[in-house]
Amino acid sequence: MRKGDLNWSDDIRISMTRVQHSGSFEVIDWDTRMAYQLAYRMRFMPGAFANTQEVLILPQFCVVNLMDEEIMMVQRGTRQVKTYFPYQSAGWHKSDVNQSTTVQMR
């Protein structure tokens, strides 16, 4: 959803119940056509903060390279190659909002 010059996700309902929940959402940058695949988890804090909810936002997909070599990944239907260096991790997001989450690696 685009409001003014900013890119926004669709609505995310913050639960007021004592139930922990999680989900995923997407924020689209219409200028670059990138789609940021994000996930969230909500839970109540323990002890003195029992009335406080923690909301954790993180990439829905995270590539962890535990090899000695670089990994290269491309979203099918695009040409933008993302390199993941040895023993590092990074989030993966769609480089083209109109393409699927199918990737190719080398």
N, C-alpha and C. Protein backbone atom coordinates (compact mmCIF):
# COMPACT_ATOMS: atom_id res chain seq x y z
N MET A 1 0.85 -1.16 0.00
CA MET A 1 0.00 0.00 0.00
C MET A 1 0.90 1.23 0.00
N ARG A 2 0.60 2.22 -0.79
CA ARG A 2 1.41 3.42 -0.89
C ARG A 2 0.62 4.60 -0.33
N LYS A 3 1.22 5.28 0.64
CA LYS A 3 0.60 6.46 1.24
C LYS A 3 1.59 7.61 1.12
N GLY A 4 1.27 8.57 0.29
CA GLY A 4 2.20 9.66 0.07
C GLY A 4 3.43 9.13 -0.63
N ASP A 5 4.60 9.46 -0.12
CA ASP A 5 5.84 8.97 -0.70
C ASP A 5 6.40 7.77 0.06
N LEU A 6 5.60 7.16 0.92
CA LEU A 6 6.07 6.04 1.73
C LEU A 6 5.42 4.74 1.30
N ASN A 7 6.12 3.64 1.50
CA ASN A 7 5.60 2.31 1.21
C ASN A 7 5.21 1.65 2.52
N TRP A 8 3.99 1.14 2.60
CA TRP A 8 3.46 0.56 3.82
C TRP A 8 3.00 -0.87 3.57
N SER A 9 3.00 -1.67 4.61
CA SER A 9 2.43 -3.02 4.53
C SER A 9 0.92 -2.91 4.60
N ASP A 10 0.25 -4.03 4.37
CA ASP A 10 -1.18 -4.10 4.67
C ASP A 10 -1.33 -4.06 6.19
N ASP A 11 -2.55 -3.94 6.68
CA ASP A 11 -2.79 -3.87 8.12
C ASP A 11 -2.30 -5.12 8.84
N ILE A 12 -1.70 -4.93 9.99
CA ILE A 12 -1.30 -6.02 10.87
C ILE A 12 -2.02 -5.79 12.19
N ARG A 13 -2.82 -6.76 12.60
CA ARG A 13 -3.61 -6.60 13.82
C ARG A 13 -2.76 -6.95 15.03
N ILE A 14 -2.58 -5.99 15.91
CA ILE A 14 -1.88 -6.23 17.18
C ILE A 14 -2.93 -6.78 18.15
N SER A 15 -2.71 -8.00 18.60
CA SER A 15 -3.68 -8.67 19.45
C SER A 15 -3.63 -8.14 20.87
N MET A 16 -4.79 -7.94 21.46
CA MET A 16 -4.88 -7.50 22.85
C MET A 16 -5.21 -8.67 23.78
N THR A 17 -5.30 -9.88 23.20
CA THR A 17 -5.59 -11.06 24.02
C THR A 17 -4.29 -11.61 24.60
N ARG A 18 -4.39 -12.57 25.47
CA ARG A 18 -3.21 -13.18 26.10
C ARG A 18 -2.66 -14.32 25.24
N VAL A 19 -2.98 -14.32 23.96
CA VAL A 19 -2.54 -15.38 23.06
C VAL A 19 -1.34 -14.91 22.26
N GLN A 20 -0.32 -15.76 22.18
CA GLN A 20 0.82 -15.46 21.34
C GLN A 20 0.46 -15.79 19.90
N HIS A 21 0.88 -14.99 18.98
CA HIS A 21 0.64 -15.32 17.58
C HIS A 21 1.74 -14.76 16.69
N SER A 22 1.75 -15.26 15.44
CA SER A 22 2.76 -14.85 14.49
C SER A 22 2.15 -14.85 13.10
N GLY A 23 2.88 -14.31 12.16
CA GLY A 23 2.41 -14.26 10.79
C GLY A 23 3.46 -13.65 9.88
N SER A 24 3.08 -13.40 8.67
CA SER A 24 4.00 -12.80 7.71
C SER A 24 3.28 -11.69 6.96
N PHE A 25 4.08 -10.81 6.39
CA PHE A 25 3.53 -9.71 5.60
C PHE A 25 4.59 -9.25 4.61
N GLU A 26 4.19 -8.38 3.72
CA GLU A 26 5.06 -7.91 2.65
C GLU A 26 4.97 -6.40 2.57
N VAL A 27 6.12 -5.76 2.38
CA VAL A 27 6.17 -4.32 2.12
C VAL A 27 6.80 -4.15 0.74
N ILE A 28 6.09 -3.48 -0.14
CA ILE A 28 6.55 -3.32 -1.52
C ILE A 28 7.10 -1.92 -1.72
N ASP A 29 8.32 -1.85 -2.24
CA ASP A 29 8.91 -0.58 -2.64
C ASP A 29 8.59 -0.40 -4.12
N TRP A 30 7.61 0.42 -4.41
CA TRP A 30 7.13 0.55 -5.79
C TRP A 30 8.14 1.25 -6.69
N ASP A 31 9.08 1.99 -6.11
CA ASP A 31 10.12 2.64 -6.93
C ASP A 31 11.11 1.61 -7.48
N THR A 32 11.50 0.65 -6.65
CA THR A 32 12.48 -0.37 -7.06
C THR A 32 11.80 -1.69 -7.44
N ARG A 33 10.52 -1.86 -7.11
CA ARG A 33 9.72 -3.07 -7.34
C ARG A 33 10.16 -4.23 -6.46
N MET A 34 10.97 -3.94 -5.42
CA MET A 34 11.35 -4.98 -4.47
C MET A 34 10.21 -5.24 -3.51
N ALA A 35 10.06 -6.50 -3.11
CA ALA A 35 9.05 -6.88 -2.12
C ALA A 35 9.77 -7.45 -0.92
N TYR A 36 9.66 -6.78 0.20
CA TYR A 36 10.33 -7.21 1.41
C TYR A 36 9.43 -8.19 2.14
N GLN A 37 9.85 -9.45 2.20
CA GLN A 37 9.10 -10.53 2.84
C GLN A 37 9.48 -10.53 4.31
N LEU A 38 8.55 -10.18 5.17
CA LEU A 38 8.83 -10.06 6.60
C LEU A 38 7.91 -10.96 7.41
N ALA A 39 8.34 -11.28 8.60
CA ALA A 39 7.54 -12.09 9.51
C ALA A 39 7.49 -11.38 10.86
N TYR A 40 6.49 -11.70 11.64
CA TYR A 40 6.39 -11.11 12.99
C TYR A 40 5.96 -12.18 13.98
N ARG A 41 6.32 -11.94 15.23
CA ARG A 41 5.88 -12.79 16.33
C ARG A 41 5.57 -11.89 17.51
N MET A 42 4.44 -12.11 18.13
CA MET A 42 4.03 -11.34 19.30
C MET A 42 3.93 -12.28 20.50
N ARG A 43 4.46 -11.83 21.62
CA ARG A 43 4.35 -12.63 22.84
C ARG A 43 4.40 -11.69 24.04
N PHE A 44 3.78 -12.13 25.13
CA PHE A 44 3.83 -11.36 26.36
C PHE A 44 5.14 -11.63 27.07
N MET A 45 5.70 -10.59 27.65
CA MET A 45 6.97 -10.69 28.37
C MET A 45 6.73 -11.36 29.73
N PRO A 46 7.76 -11.97 30.30
CA PRO A 46 7.62 -12.62 31.61
C PRO A 46 7.84 -11.64 32.77
N GLY A 47 7.47 -12.08 33.95
CA GLY A 47 7.79 -11.37 35.19
C GLY A 47 7.19 -9.99 35.31
N ALA A 48 8.02 -9.02 35.68
CA ALA A 48 7.57 -7.65 35.94
C ALA A 48 6.97 -6.99 34.69
N PHE A 49 7.28 -7.53 33.51
CA PHE A 49 6.78 -6.95 32.25
C PHE A 49 5.64 -7.78 31.67
N ALA A 50 4.92 -8.49 32.51
CA ALA A 50 3.87 -9.41 32.08
C ALA A 50 2.75 -8.73 31.29
N ASN A 51 2.57 -7.44 31.44
CA ASN A 51 1.53 -6.72 30.70
C ASN A 51 2.07 -6.09 29.42
N THR A 52 3.32 -6.36 29.09
CA THR A 52 3.96 -5.79 27.91
C THR A 52 4.09 -6.86 26.84
N GLN A 53 3.71 -6.50 25.61
CA GLN A 53 3.87 -7.41 24.48
C GLN A 53 5.14 -7.09 23.72
N GLU A 54 5.92 -8.10 23.41
CA GLU A 54 7.08 -7.96 22.54
C GLU A 54 6.61 -8.24 21.12
N VAL A 55 6.96 -7.37 20.20
CA VAL A 55 6.65 -7.58 18.79
C VAL A 55 7.99 -7.69 18.06
N LEU A 56 8.27 -8.87 17.53
CA LEU A 56 9.53 -9.13 16.86
C LEU A 56 9.29 -9.14 15.36
N ILE A 57 10.03 -8.31 14.60
CA ILE A 57 9.95 -8.24 13.15
C ILE A 57 11.27 -8.75 12.58
N LEU A 58 11.20 -9.66 11.62
CA LEU A 58 12.42 -10.22 11.04
C LEU A 58 12.15 -10.66 9.61
N PRO A 59 13.22 -10.89 8.82
CA PRO A 59 13.00 -11.38 7.46
C PRO A 59 12.30 -12.73 7.50
N GLN A 60 11.37 -12.93 6.59
CA GLN A 60 10.68 -14.23 6.54
C GLN A 60 11.64 -15.31 6.05
N PHE A 61 12.57 -14.94 5.20
CA PHE A 61 13.56 -15.87 4.68
C PHE A 61 14.95 -15.36 5.05
N CYS A 62 15.74 -16.20 5.67
CA CYS A 62 17.10 -15.85 6.05
C CYS A 62 18.04 -16.94 5.52
N VAL A 63 19.04 -16.54 4.73
CA VAL A 63 20.01 -17.48 4.20
C VAL A 63 21.22 -17.46 5.12
N VAL A 64 21.61 -18.63 5.60
CA VAL A 64 22.78 -18.79 6.46
C VAL A 64 23.79 -19.62 5.68
N ASN A 65 24.90 -19.03 5.31
CA ASN A 65 25.93 -19.71 4.54
C ASN A 65 26.97 -20.29 5.49
N LEU A 66 26.96 -21.59 5.69
CA LEU A 66 27.92 -22.26 6.56
C LEU A 66 29.00 -22.98 5.77
N MET A 67 29.17 -22.55 4.52
CA MET A 67 30.20 -23.16 3.68
C MET A 67 31.40 -22.23 3.55
N ASP A 68 32.51 -22.78 3.03
CA ASP A 68 33.71 -21.97 2.81
C ASP A 68 33.63 -21.14 1.54
N GLU A 69 32.63 -21.36 0.73
CA GLU A 69 32.47 -20.67 -0.55
C GLU A 69 31.28 -19.72 -0.53
N GLU A 70 31.31 -18.74 -1.42
CA GLU A 70 30.17 -17.84 -1.57
C GLU A 70 29.00 -18.61 -2.19
N ILE A 71 27.80 -18.21 -1.83
CA ILE A 71 26.58 -18.73 -2.46
C ILE A 71 25.96 -17.56 -3.21
N MET A 72 25.57 -17.81 -4.44
CA MET A 72 24.86 -16.79 -5.21
C MET A 72 23.45 -17.27 -5.46
N MET A 73 22.50 -16.36 -5.34
CA MET A 73 21.10 -16.70 -5.46
C MET A 73 20.41 -15.65 -6.32
N VAL A 74 19.51 -16.11 -7.19
CA VAL A 74 18.74 -15.20 -8.03
C VAL A 74 17.28 -15.63 -7.99
N GLN A 75 16.39 -14.67 -7.93
CA GLN A 75 14.96 -14.95 -7.98
C GLN A 75 14.62 -15.29 -9.42
N ARG A 76 13.92 -16.39 -9.62
CA ARG A 76 13.58 -16.82 -10.97
C ARG A 76 12.80 -15.72 -11.69
N GLY A 77 13.20 -15.44 -12.94
CA GLY A 77 12.55 -14.41 -13.73
C GLY A 77 13.20 -13.05 -13.60
N THR A 78 14.25 -12.94 -12.78
CA THR A 78 14.97 -11.68 -12.60
C THR A 78 16.45 -11.90 -12.90
N ARG A 79 17.21 -10.83 -12.88
CA ARG A 79 18.66 -10.92 -13.11
C ARG A 79 19.47 -10.41 -11.94
N GLN A 80 18.83 -9.99 -10.89
CA GLN A 80 19.54 -9.44 -9.73
C GLN A 80 20.08 -10.58 -8.87
N VAL A 81 21.40 -10.72 -8.84
CA VAL A 81 22.07 -11.78 -8.10
C VAL A 81 22.43 -11.27 -6.71
N LYS A 82 22.10 -12.06 -5.71
CA LYS A 82 22.45 -11.74 -4.32
C LYS A 82 23.55 -12.71 -3.90
N THR A 83 24.65 -12.19 -3.35
CA THR A 83 25.77 -13.02 -2.91
C THR A 83 25.75 -13.14 -1.40
N TYR A 84 25.88 -14.37 -0.92
CA TYR A 84 25.95 -14.64 0.52
C TYR A 84 27.36 -15.16 0.81
N PHE A 85 28.08 -14.43 1.63
CA PHE A 85 29.48 -14.73 1.90
C PHE A 85 29.62 -15.83 2.95
N PRO A 86 30.78 -16.53 2.93
CA PRO A 86 30.98 -17.64 3.88
C PRO A 86 30.78 -17.22 5.33
N TYR A 87 30.08 -18.07 6.06
CA TYR A 87 29.84 -17.93 7.50
C TYR A 87 29.12 -16.62 7.86
N GLN A 88 28.27 -16.16 6.96
CA GLN A 88 27.44 -14.99 7.24
C GLN A 88 25.99 -15.32 6.93
N SER A 89 25.10 -14.54 7.48
CA SER A 89 23.67 -14.71 7.20
C SER A 89 23.08 -13.37 6.79
N ALA A 90 22.03 -13.43 6.00
CA ALA A 90 21.34 -12.22 5.55
C ALA A 90 19.93 -12.59 5.12
N GLY A 91 19.03 -11.65 5.24
CA GLY A 91 17.67 -11.85 4.79
C GLY A 91 17.59 -11.89 3.28
N TRP A 92 16.60 -12.62 2.77
CA TRP A 92 16.34 -12.64 1.33
C TRP A 92 14.97 -12.04 1.09
N HIS A 93 14.90 -11.16 0.09
CA HIS A 93 13.64 -10.52 -0.29
C HIS A 93 13.48 -10.62 -1.81
N LYS A 94 12.25 -10.55 -2.26
CA LYS A 94 11.98 -10.63 -3.69
C LYS A 94 12.51 -9.39 -4.40
N SER A 95 13.31 -9.58 -5.45
CA SER A 95 13.81 -8.43 -6.20
C SER A 95 12.80 -7.92 -7.22
N ASP A 96 11.76 -8.70 -7.47
CA ASP A 96 10.67 -8.26 -8.35
C ASP A 96 9.35 -8.72 -7.75
N VAL A 97 8.51 -7.78 -7.40
CA VAL A 97 7.24 -8.07 -6.73
C VAL A 97 6.34 -8.98 -7.56
N ASN A 98 6.46 -8.95 -8.89
CA ASN A 98 5.58 -9.73 -9.75
C ASN A 98 6.04 -11.17 -9.96
N GLN A 99 7.21 -11.51 -9.46
CA GLN A 99 7.74 -12.87 -9.62
C GLN A 99 7.47 -13.68 -8.35
N SER A 100 7.63 -14.99 -8.46
CA SER A 100 7.38 -15.88 -7.33
C SER A 100 8.58 -15.89 -6.38
N THR A 101 8.51 -16.70 -5.35
CA THR A 101 9.63 -16.85 -4.43
C THR A 101 10.54 -18.02 -4.85
N THR A 102 10.40 -18.48 -6.08
CA THR A 102 11.29 -19.53 -6.59
C THR A 102 12.65 -18.91 -6.88
N VAL A 103 13.71 -19.59 -6.42
CA VAL A 103 15.07 -19.07 -6.61
C VAL A 103 15.94 -20.13 -7.28
N GLN A 104 17.05 -19.68 -7.80
CA GLN A 104 18.09 -20.55 -8.34
C GLN A 104 19.38 -20.18 -7.63
N MET A 105 20.24 -21.20 -7.38
CA MET A 105 21.47 -20.98 -6.63
C MET A 105 22.66 -21.54 -7.39
N ARG A 106 23.82 -20.97 -7.07
CA ARG A 106 25.09 -21.56 -7.54
C ARG A 106 26.18 -21.19 -6.59
